[in-house]
Each structure stands twice: as C-alpha cells, then as structure tokens.
C-alpha cells in the first residue's frame, strides 16, 4: 500500500514538475518575444530620429539665418536701401517668407507605450528622455504655428517686393525677391515688425536646437539599450 502511495505521489510530482517547466518555458518564450518586439520598435524609433535630425538641422539653418538677416535689416537696412537694394530685398523677403513645418512624429513612441513594451526598457534614463521629448514636441508645434499665424501671414511688407526676380533658395520660392526700386524705405513700425519677426525666428531656432540635442541624446541611449 505504501509503495502504491509513493508511486502515485511520485507520478503526481513528475506531472506537476512537467507542467511547471512547461509554464516556465512558455513564459520565457513570451518574454523573449516581447523583448524582440521591443528591440525592433527601438530600432525603428532610432531610424525615425536619424531622419528627424536631418530635418531639424535644415529647420535650424533656415530660422537662425532669418534671425541673422533681421538683425542686418534692423541695424543696416537704411544703408542697404541707399547702396544695395538687391541685398535689401533678399534679406527682407527671406525674413518675411522663411518658414518650415513642424510635423509631430510619435507613432513608434505611442506603439511602445500602448503595447506596454516601454516597461521592458531597462534603461530608465531612456524612458525619461522619451517621455520628455514627446511632451516637448507639442510645444515645438505650437511655436511653429505661432510663427506662421502672427508673423508669416502678415502682408504689410509685401508691397515692397518686386516678385519678377523671384528665385528658389534652398528649394523654397520667395527668398530671392527684389526690393521695388521706387519704393520708400521702411518706416519705424515696419522695421520694428521685421525685428519682431527675427526675434520669433530666433526663439524657434533655439527650440529646434534643443530638439536636436534631445534627439542626439536619445539615439545614444537607444544604442545602449540595443547593445544590452
């Protein structure tokens, strides 16, 4: 009788052990699969950031240059009006028309969050940087729209441009526009408006510079997670 009981106990233990091992293996396979998905998602996110960086560098150049030209107009505009109207028209139209479009790109980040894969990221600094980046993106987008709404839709400077000489500059039409030869020089209100527009370009270019730094740091942290 005792032998029979021992036999049943042993068989039961073997069955329980087998089930436990099966569950453990299944769980480990699920974890490995989720980790694989996490790595794939992070790699896609890295590639998106690399592409985004190229755009940010272009945007920064556009807006920082517009700010530089606004300063030239504010301090040397009258001199240019008297000696070099071609340059005056170029600088003025650049400041007036320089614009880029900020497009929020959070698909891969949202996928990480919604799938729960973000919880598998061991590098918590990476998680913190990701959260901050995609919060800041809304701020960048709002400032981009503010620049467009308050300054780049202002038509008061348009009468000073001679559009027949318009040419492309960095793929955007309207920067190389001549100053009308018989047109008076800008009054104080108009030149101050140019200065305000330049300041807004400066503020936005600084935000873009911040975005460049964010993306560069994120790529480094993603690389650490991918290696691990």
C-alpha atoms as a PDB file:
ATOM      1  CA  UNK A   1       0.000   0.000   0.000  1.00  0.00           C
ATOM      2  CA  UNK A   2       2.780   2.390   0.967  1.00  0.00           C
ATOM      3  CA  UNK A   3       4.606   1.568  -2.240  1.00  0.00           C
ATOM      4  CA  UNK A   4       1.470   2.369  -4.250  1.00  0.00           C
ATOM      5  CA  UNK A   5       1.001   5.694  -2.479  1.00  0.00           C
ATOM      6  CA  UNK A   6       4.634   6.580  -3.034  1.00  0.00           C
ATOM      7  CA  UNK A   7       4.251   5.684  -6.681  1.00  0.00           C
ATOM      8  CA  UNK A   8       1.208   7.958  -7.081  1.00  0.00           C
ATOM      9  CA  UNK A   9       2.940  10.774  -5.217  1.00  0.00           C
ATOM     10  CA  UNK A  10       5.986  10.429  -7.439  1.00  0.00           C
ATOM     11  CA  UNK A  11       3.868  10.383 -10.591  1.00  0.00           C
ATOM     12  CA  UNK A  12       1.915  13.416  -9.388  1.00  0.00           C
ATOM     13  CA  UNK A  13       5.155  15.264  -8.607  1.00  0.00           C
ATOM     14  CA  UNK A  14       6.513  14.461 -12.061  1.00  0.00           C
ATOM     15  CA  UNK A  15       3.302  15.742 -13.665  1.00  0.00           C
ATOM     16  CA  UNK A  16       3.359  18.963 -11.576  1.00  0.00           C
ATOM     17  CA  UNK A  17       7.037  19.466 -12.358  1.00  0.00           C
ATOM     18  CA  UNK A  18       6.411  18.918 -16.053  1.00  0.00           C
ATOM     19  CA  UNK A  19       3.539  21.416 -16.062  1.00  0.00           C
ATOM     20  CA  UNK A  20       5.640  23.938 -14.124  1.00  0.00           C
ATOM     21  CA  UNK A  21       8.543  23.574 -16.540  1.00  0.00           C
ATOM     22  CA  UNK A  22       6.131  23.933 -19.468  1.00  0.00           C
ATOM     23  CA  UNK A  23       4.670  27.134 -17.993  1.00  0.00           C
ATOM     24  CA  UNK A  24       8.151  28.466 -17.260  1.00  0.00           C
ATOM     25  CA  UNK A  25       9.379  27.793 -20.793  1.00  0.00           C
ATOM     26  CA  UNK A  26       6.228  29.345 -22.242  1.00  0.00           C
ATOM     27  CA  UNK A  27       6.662  32.411 -20.039  1.00  0.00           C
ATOM     28  CA  UNK A  28      10.325  32.769 -21.003  1.00  0.00           C
ATOM     29  CA  UNK A  29       9.428  32.452 -24.684  1.00  0.00           C
ATOM     30  CA  UNK A  30       6.784  35.168 -24.284  1.00  0.00           C
ATOM     31  CA  UNK A  31       9.295  37.438 -22.543  1.00  0.00           C
ATOM     32  CA  UNK A  32      11.882  36.782 -25.247  1.00  0.00           C
ATOM     33  CA  UNK A  33       9.298  37.544 -27.936  1.00  0.00           C
ATOM     34  CA  UNK A  34       8.306  40.810 -26.258  1.00  0.00           C
ATOM     35  CA  UNK A  35      11.959  41.768 -25.895  1.00  0.00           C
ATOM     36  CA  UNK A  36      12.441  41.083 -29.588  1.00  0.00           C
ATOM     37  CA  UNK A  37       9.460  43.329 -30.380  1.00  0.00           C
ATOM     38  CA  UNK A  38      10.888  45.998 -28.084  1.00  0.00           C
ATOM     39  CA  UNK A  39      14.233  45.912 -29.866  1.00  0.00           C
ATOM     40  CA  UNK A  40      12.563  46.125 -33.278  1.00  0.00           C
ATOM     41  CA  UNK A  41      10.478  49.081 -32.124  1.00  0.00           C
ATOM     42  CA  UNK A  42      13.523  50.861 -30.672  1.00  0.00           C
ATOM     43  CA  UNK A  43      15.446  50.303 -33.912  1.00  0.00           C
ATOM     44  CA  UNK A  44      12.571  51.827 -35.900  1.00  0.00           C
ATOM     45  CA  UNK A  45      12.446  54.715 -33.442  1.00  0.00           C
ATOM     46  CA  UNK A  46      16.185  55.279 -33.855  1.00  0.00           C
ATOM     47  CA  UNK A  47      15.864  55.386 -37.641  1.00  0.00           C
ATOM     48  CA  UNK A  48      12.998  57.875 -37.325  1.00  0.00           C
ATOM     49  CA  UNK A  49      15.114  60.055 -35.054  1.00  0.00           C
ATOM     50  CA  UNK A  50      18.018  60.000 -37.519  1.00  0.00           C
ATOM     51  CA  UNK A  51      15.698  61.178 -40.299  1.00  0.00           C
ATOM     52  CA  UNK A  52      14.165  63.742 -37.973  1.00  0.00           C
ATOM     53  CA  UNK A  53      17.612  65.102 -37.103  1.00  0.00           C
ATOM     54  CA  UNK A  54      18.289  65.861 -40.756  1.00  0.00           C
ATOM     55  CA  UNK A  55      15.085  67.878 -40.898  1.00  0.00           C
ATOM     56  CA  UNK A  56      15.840  69.667 -37.650  1.00  0.00           C
ATOM     57  CA  UNK A  57      19.282  70.741 -38.901  1.00  0.00           C
ATOM     58  CA  UNK A  58      17.640  72.151 -42.028  1.00  0.00           C
ATOM     59  CA  UNK A  59      14.985  73.952 -39.951  1.00  0.00           C
ATOM     60  CA  UNK A  60      17.603  75.383 -37.614  1.00  0.00           C
ATOM     61  CA  UNK A  61      19.601  76.789 -40.503  1.00  0.00           C
ATOM     62  CA  UNK A  62      16.504  78.401 -42.033  1.00  0.00           C
ATOM     63  CA  UNK A  63      15.310  80.104 -38.851  1.00  0.00           C
ATOM     64  CA  UNK A  64      18.695  81.087 -37.418  1.00  0.00           C
ATOM     65  CA  UNK A  65      19.571  82.640 -40.788  1.00  0.00           C
ATOM     66  CA  UNK A  66      16.279  84.543 -40.810  1.00  0.00           C
ATOM     67  CA  UNK A  67      17.127  85.941 -37.389  1.00  0.00           C
ATOM     68  CA  UNK A  68      20.596  86.967 -38.597  1.00  0.00           C
ATOM     69  CA  UNK A  69      19.112  88.747 -41.616  1.00  0.00           C
ATOM     70  CA  UNK A  70      16.563  90.527 -39.421  1.00  0.00           C
ATOM     71  CA  UNK A  71      19.440  91.944 -37.372  1.00  0.00           C
ATOM     72  CA  UNK A  72      21.162  93.123 -40.568  1.00  0.00           C
ATOM     73  CA  UNK A  73      17.959  94.888 -41.640  1.00  0.00           C
ATOM     74  CA  UNK A  74      17.454  96.492 -38.240  1.00  0.00           C
ATOM     75  CA  UNK A  75      20.974  97.885 -37.973  1.00  0.00           C
ATOM     76  CA  UNK A  76      21.951  98.375 -41.643  1.00  0.00           C
ATOM     77  CA  UNK A  77      18.655  98.472 -43.517  1.00  0.00           C
ATOM     78  CA  UNK A  78      18.774 102.175 -44.387  1.00  0.00           C
ATOM     79  CA  UNK A  79      22.345 101.839 -45.639  1.00  0.00           C
ATOM     80  CA  UNK A  80      21.294  98.937 -47.865  1.00  0.00           C
ATOM     81  CA  UNK A  81      18.348 100.978 -49.149  1.00  0.00           C
ATOM     82  CA  UNK A  82      20.773 103.696 -50.238  1.00  0.00           C
ATOM     83  CA  UNK A  83      23.507 101.457 -51.657  1.00  0.00           C
ATOM     84  CA  UNK A  84      22.255  97.927 -52.358  1.00  0.00           C
ATOM     85  CA  UNK A  85      18.521  97.392 -52.858  1.00  0.00           C
ATOM     86  CA  UNK A  86      19.096  93.869 -54.206  1.00  0.00           C
ATOM     87  CA  UNK A  87      20.524  92.737 -50.869  1.00  0.00           C
ATOM     88  CA  UNK A  88      17.828  94.659 -49.021  1.00  0.00           C
ATOM     89  CA  UNK A  89      15.122  92.822 -50.949  1.00  0.00           C
ATOM     90  CA  UNK A  90      16.836  89.480 -50.420  1.00  0.00           C
ATOM     91  CA  UNK A  91      17.163  89.903 -46.645  1.00  0.00           C
ATOM     92  CA  UNK A  92      13.677  91.327 -46.254  1.00  0.00           C
ATOM     93  CA  UNK A  93      11.951  88.623 -48.287  1.00  0.00           C
ATOM     94  CA  UNK A  94      13.942  85.903 -46.516  1.00  0.00           C
ATOM     95  CA  UNK A  95      12.793  87.120 -43.110  1.00  0.00           C
ATOM     96  CA  UNK A  96       9.249  87.534 -44.399  1.00  0.00           C
ATOM     97  CA  UNK A  97       8.958  84.118 -46.079  1.00  0.00           C
ATOM     98  CA  UNK A  98      11.332  81.803 -44.200  1.00  0.00           C
ATOM     99  CA  UNK A  99       9.218  79.024 -42.798  1.00  0.00           C
ATOM    100  CA  UNK A 100       9.341  75.329 -42.019  1.00  0.00           C
ATOM    101  CA  UNK A 101       6.609  72.959 -40.944  1.00  0.00           C
ATOM    102  CA  UNK A 102       6.931  71.015 -37.712  1.00  0.00           C
ATOM    103  CA  UNK A 103       5.302  67.596 -38.037  1.00  0.00           C
ATOM    104  CA  UNK A 104       4.802  65.659 -34.826  1.00  0.00           C
ATOM    105  CA  UNK A 105       6.086  62.112 -35.277  1.00  0.00           C
ATOM    106  CA  UNK A 106       5.198  59.968 -32.281  1.00  0.00           C
ATOM    107  CA  UNK A 107       3.958  56.751 -33.908  1.00  0.00           C
ATOM    108  CA  UNK A 108       6.757  54.490 -32.680  1.00  0.00           C
ATOM    109  CA  UNK A 109       6.714  56.017 -29.198  1.00  0.00           C
ATOM    110  CA  UNK A 110       2.931  55.576 -28.991  1.00  0.00           C
ATOM    111  CA  UNK A 111       3.337  51.971 -30.128  1.00  0.00           C
ATOM    112  CA  UNK A 112       5.850  51.351 -27.334  1.00  0.00           C
ATOM    113  CA  UNK A 113       3.513  52.861 -24.751  1.00  0.00           C
ATOM    114  CA  UNK A 114       0.265  51.305 -25.962  1.00  0.00           C
ATOM    115  CA  UNK A 115       1.768  47.830 -26.270  1.00  0.00           C
ATOM    116  CA  UNK A 116       3.361  48.011 -22.830  1.00  0.00           C
ATOM    117  CA  UNK A 117       6.780  47.337 -24.350  1.00  0.00           C
ATOM    118  CA  UNK A 118       8.135  50.538 -22.816  1.00  0.00           C
ATOM    119  CA  UNK A 119       8.005  48.750 -19.452  1.00  0.00           C
ATOM    120  CA  UNK A 120      10.625  46.299 -20.746  1.00  0.00           C
ATOM    121  CA  UNK A 121      13.174  49.055 -21.345  1.00  0.00           C
ATOM    122  CA  UNK A 122      15.845  48.603 -18.694  1.00  0.00           C
ATOM    123  CA  UNK A 123      17.460  51.989 -19.317  1.00  0.00           C
ATOM    124  CA  UNK A 124      15.177  54.241 -17.265  1.00  0.00           C
ATOM    125  CA  UNK A 125      17.060  57.340 -18.431  1.00  0.00           C
ATOM    126  CA  UNK A 126      15.942  56.444 -21.960  1.00  0.00           C
ATOM    127  CA  UNK A 127      12.326  56.185 -20.809  1.00  0.00           C
ATOM    128  CA  UNK A 128      12.552  59.581 -19.105  1.00  0.00           C
ATOM    129  CA  UNK A 129      14.080  61.190 -22.211  1.00  0.00           C
ATOM    130  CA  UNK A 130      11.390  59.668 -24.425  1.00  0.00           C
ATOM    131  CA  UNK A 131       8.597  60.977 -22.226  1.00  0.00           C
ATOM    132  CA  UNK A 132      10.102  64.462 -22.178  1.00  0.00           C
ATOM    133  CA  UNK A 133      10.715  64.555 -25.917  1.00  0.00           C
ATOM    134  CA  UNK A 134       7.162  63.721 -26.884  1.00  0.00           C
ATOM    135  CA  UNK A 135       5.797  66.187 -24.341  1.00  0.00           C
ATOM    136  CA  UNK A 136       8.064  68.933 -25.707  1.00  0.00           C
ATOM    137  CA  UNK A 137       7.024  68.152 -29.296  1.00  0.00           C
ATOM    138  CA  UNK A 138       3.617  69.709 -28.671  1.00  0.00           C
ATOM    139  CA  UNK A 139       5.370  72.892 -27.524  1.00  0.00           C
ATOM    140  CA  UNK A 140       7.538  72.989 -30.654  1.00  0.00           C
ATOM    141  CA  UNK A 141       4.498  72.514 -32.853  1.00  0.00           C
ATOM    142  CA  UNK A 142       2.590  75.326 -31.116  1.00  0.00           C
ATOM    143  CA  UNK A 143       5.521  77.734 -31.551  1.00  0.00           C
ATOM    144  CA  UNK A 144       5.838  76.808 -35.206  1.00  0.00           C
ATOM    145  CA  UNK A 145       2.154  77.596 -35.693  1.00  0.00           C
ATOM    146  CA  UNK A 146       2.513  80.832 -33.714  1.00  0.00           C
ATOM    147  CA  UNK A 147       5.317  81.977 -36.022  1.00  0.00           C
ATOM    148  CA  UNK A 148       3.135  81.271 -39.028  1.00  0.00           C
ATOM    149  CA  UNK A 149      -0.058  82.819 -37.627  1.00  0.00           C
ATOM    150  CA  UNK A 150       1.390  86.008 -36.135  1.00  0.00           C
ATOM    151  CA  UNK A 151       4.264  86.857 -38.461  1.00  0.00           C
ATOM    152  CA  UNK A 152       4.437  84.949 -41.713  1.00  0.00           C
ATOM    153  CA  UNK A 153       0.843  85.737 -42.705  1.00  0.00           C
ATOM    154  CA  UNK A 154       1.441  89.473 -42.189  1.00  0.00           C
ATOM    155  CA  UNK A 155       1.017  91.124 -45.612  1.00  0.00           C
ATOM    156  CA  UNK A 156       2.238  94.611 -44.670  1.00  0.00           C
ATOM    157  CA  UNK A 157       5.694  94.096 -46.160  1.00  0.00           C
ATOM    158  CA  UNK A 158       4.507  92.559 -49.426  1.00  0.00           C
ATOM    159  CA  UNK A 159       4.184  95.886 -51.324  1.00  0.00           C
ATOM    160  CA  UNK A 160       7.960  96.384 -51.009  1.00  0.00           C
ATOM    161  CA  UNK A 161       8.812  93.277 -53.055  1.00  0.00           C
ATOM    162  CA  UNK A 162       9.389  93.030 -56.791  1.00  0.00           C
ATOM    163  CA  UNK A 163       8.295  89.466 -57.492  1.00  0.00           C
ATOM    164  CA  UNK A 164       9.502  89.309 -61.097  1.00  0.00           C
ATOM    165  CA  UNK A 165      13.020  88.451 -59.868  1.00  0.00           C
ATOM    166  CA  UNK A 166      11.875  85.714 -57.528  1.00  0.00           C
ATOM    167  CA  UNK A 167      14.061  82.621 -57.493  1.00  0.00           C
ATOM    168  CA  UNK A 168      14.484  79.483 -55.426  1.00  0.00           C
ATOM    169  CA  UNK A 169      16.614  79.440 -52.324  1.00  0.00           C
ATOM    170  CA  UNK A 170      17.123  76.053 -50.643  1.00  0.00           C
ATOM    171  CA  UNK A 171      14.129  74.758 -52.536  1.00  0.00           C
ATOM    172  CA  UNK A 172      11.740  77.418 -51.258  1.00  0.00           C
ATOM    173  CA  UNK A 173      10.331  80.051 -53.602  1.00  0.00           C
ATOM    174  CA  UNK A 174      10.249  83.625 -52.389  1.00  0.00           C
ATOM    175  CA  UNK A 175      13.544  84.248 -50.592  1.00  0.00           C
ATOM    176  CA  UNK A 176      15.314  85.845 -53.552  1.00  0.00           C
ATOM    177  CA  UNK A 177      12.867  88.704 -54.139  1.00  0.00           C
ATOM    178  CA  UNK A 178      13.968  92.198 -55.169  1.00  0.00           C
ATOM    179  CA  UNK A 179      13.077  95.435 -53.391  1.00  0.00           C
ATOM    180  CA  UNK A 180      10.897  97.653 -55.581  1.00  0.00           C
ATOM    181  CA  UNK A 181      13.247 100.344 -56.976  1.00  0.00           C
ATOM    182  CA  UNK A 182      10.902 103.316 -56.488  1.00  0.00           C
ATOM    183  CA  UNK A 183       9.507 102.246 -53.132  1.00  0.00           C
ATOM    184  CA  UNK A 184      10.229 104.256 -49.985  1.00  0.00           C
ATOM    185  CA  UNK A 185      12.254 102.767 -47.141  1.00  0.00           C
ATOM    186  CA  UNK A 186      10.542 101.024 -44.237  1.00  0.00           C
ATOM    187  CA  UNK A 187       9.116 103.264 -41.516  1.00  0.00           C
ATOM    188  CA  UNK A 188       9.730 102.641 -37.800  1.00  0.00           C
ATOM    189  CA  UNK A 189       6.672 100.438 -37.376  1.00  0.00           C
ATOM    190  CA  UNK A 190       7.659  98.267 -40.325  1.00  0.00           C
ATOM    191  CA  UNK A 191      11.296  97.883 -39.346  1.00  0.00           C
ATOM    192  CA  UNK A 192      10.216  97.024 -35.804  1.00  0.00           C
ATOM    193  CA  UNK A 193       7.938  94.378 -37.264  1.00  0.00           C
ATOM    194  CA  UNK A 194      10.937  92.936 -39.092  1.00  0.00           C
ATOM    195  CA  UNK A 195      12.834  92.883 -35.790  1.00  0.00           C
ATOM    196  CA  UNK A 196       9.935  91.144 -34.017  1.00  0.00           C
ATOM    197  CA  UNK A 197       9.776  88.524 -36.762  1.00  0.00           C
ATOM    198  CA  UNK A 198      13.514  87.953 -36.432  1.00  0.00           C
ATOM    199  CA  UNK A 199      13.142  87.510 -32.687  1.00  0.00           C
ATOM    200  CA  UNK A 200      10.453  84.900 -33.247  1.00  0.00           C
ATOM    201  CA  UNK A 201      12.735  83.099 -35.725  1.00  0.00           C
ATOM    202  CA  UNK A 202      15.451  83.204 -33.055  1.00  0.00           C
ATOM    203  CA  UNK A 203      13.195  81.747 -30.373  1.00  0.00           C
ATOM    204  CA  UNK A 204      12.028  78.984 -32.681  1.00  0.00           C
ATOM    205  CA  UNK A 205      15.545  78.146 -33.880  1.00  0.00           C
ATOM    206  CA  UNK A 206      16.592  77.784 -30.223  1.00  0.00           C
ATOM    207  CA  UNK A 207      13.731  75.340 -29.683  1.00  0.00           C
ATOM    208  CA  UNK A 208      14.882  73.385 -32.730  1.00  0.00           C
ATOM    209  CA  UNK A 209      18.433  73.387 -31.370  1.00  0.00           C
ATOM    210  CA  UNK A 210      17.045  71.926 -28.158  1.00  0.00           C
ATOM    211  CA  UNK A 211      15.201  69.279 -30.191  1.00  0.00           C
ATOM    212  CA  UNK A 212      18.468  68.393 -31.957  1.00  0.00           C
ATOM    213  CA  UNK A 213      20.179  67.873 -28.603  1.00  0.00           C
ATOM    214  CA  UNK A 214      17.237  65.769 -27.366  1.00  0.00           C
ATOM    215  CA  UNK A 215      17.280  63.512 -30.409  1.00  0.00           C
ATOM    216  CA  UNK A 216      21.063  63.084 -30.256  1.00  0.00           C
ATOM    217  CA  UNK A 217      20.891  62.041 -26.596  1.00  0.00           C
ATOM    218  CA  UNK A 218      18.011  59.684 -27.322  1.00  0.00           C
ATOM    219  CA  UNK A 219      19.923  57.937 -30.093  1.00  0.00           C
ATOM    220  CA  UNK A 220      22.856  57.351 -27.722  1.00  0.00           C
ATOM    221  CA  UNK A 221      20.570  55.905 -25.044  1.00  0.00           C
ATOM    222  CA  UNK A 222      18.744  53.720 -27.577  1.00  0.00           C
ATOM    223  CA  UNK A 223      22.103  52.350 -28.726  1.00  0.00           C
ATOM    224  CA  UNK A 224      22.895  51.413 -25.103  1.00  0.00           C
ATOM    225  CA  UNK A 225      19.592  49.550 -24.799  1.00  0.00           C
ATOM    226  CA  UNK A 226      20.094  47.778 -28.138  1.00  0.00           C
ATOM    227  CA  UNK A 227      23.558  46.593 -27.097  1.00  0.00           C
ATOM    228  CA  UNK A 228      22.287  45.262 -23.794  1.00  0.00           C
END
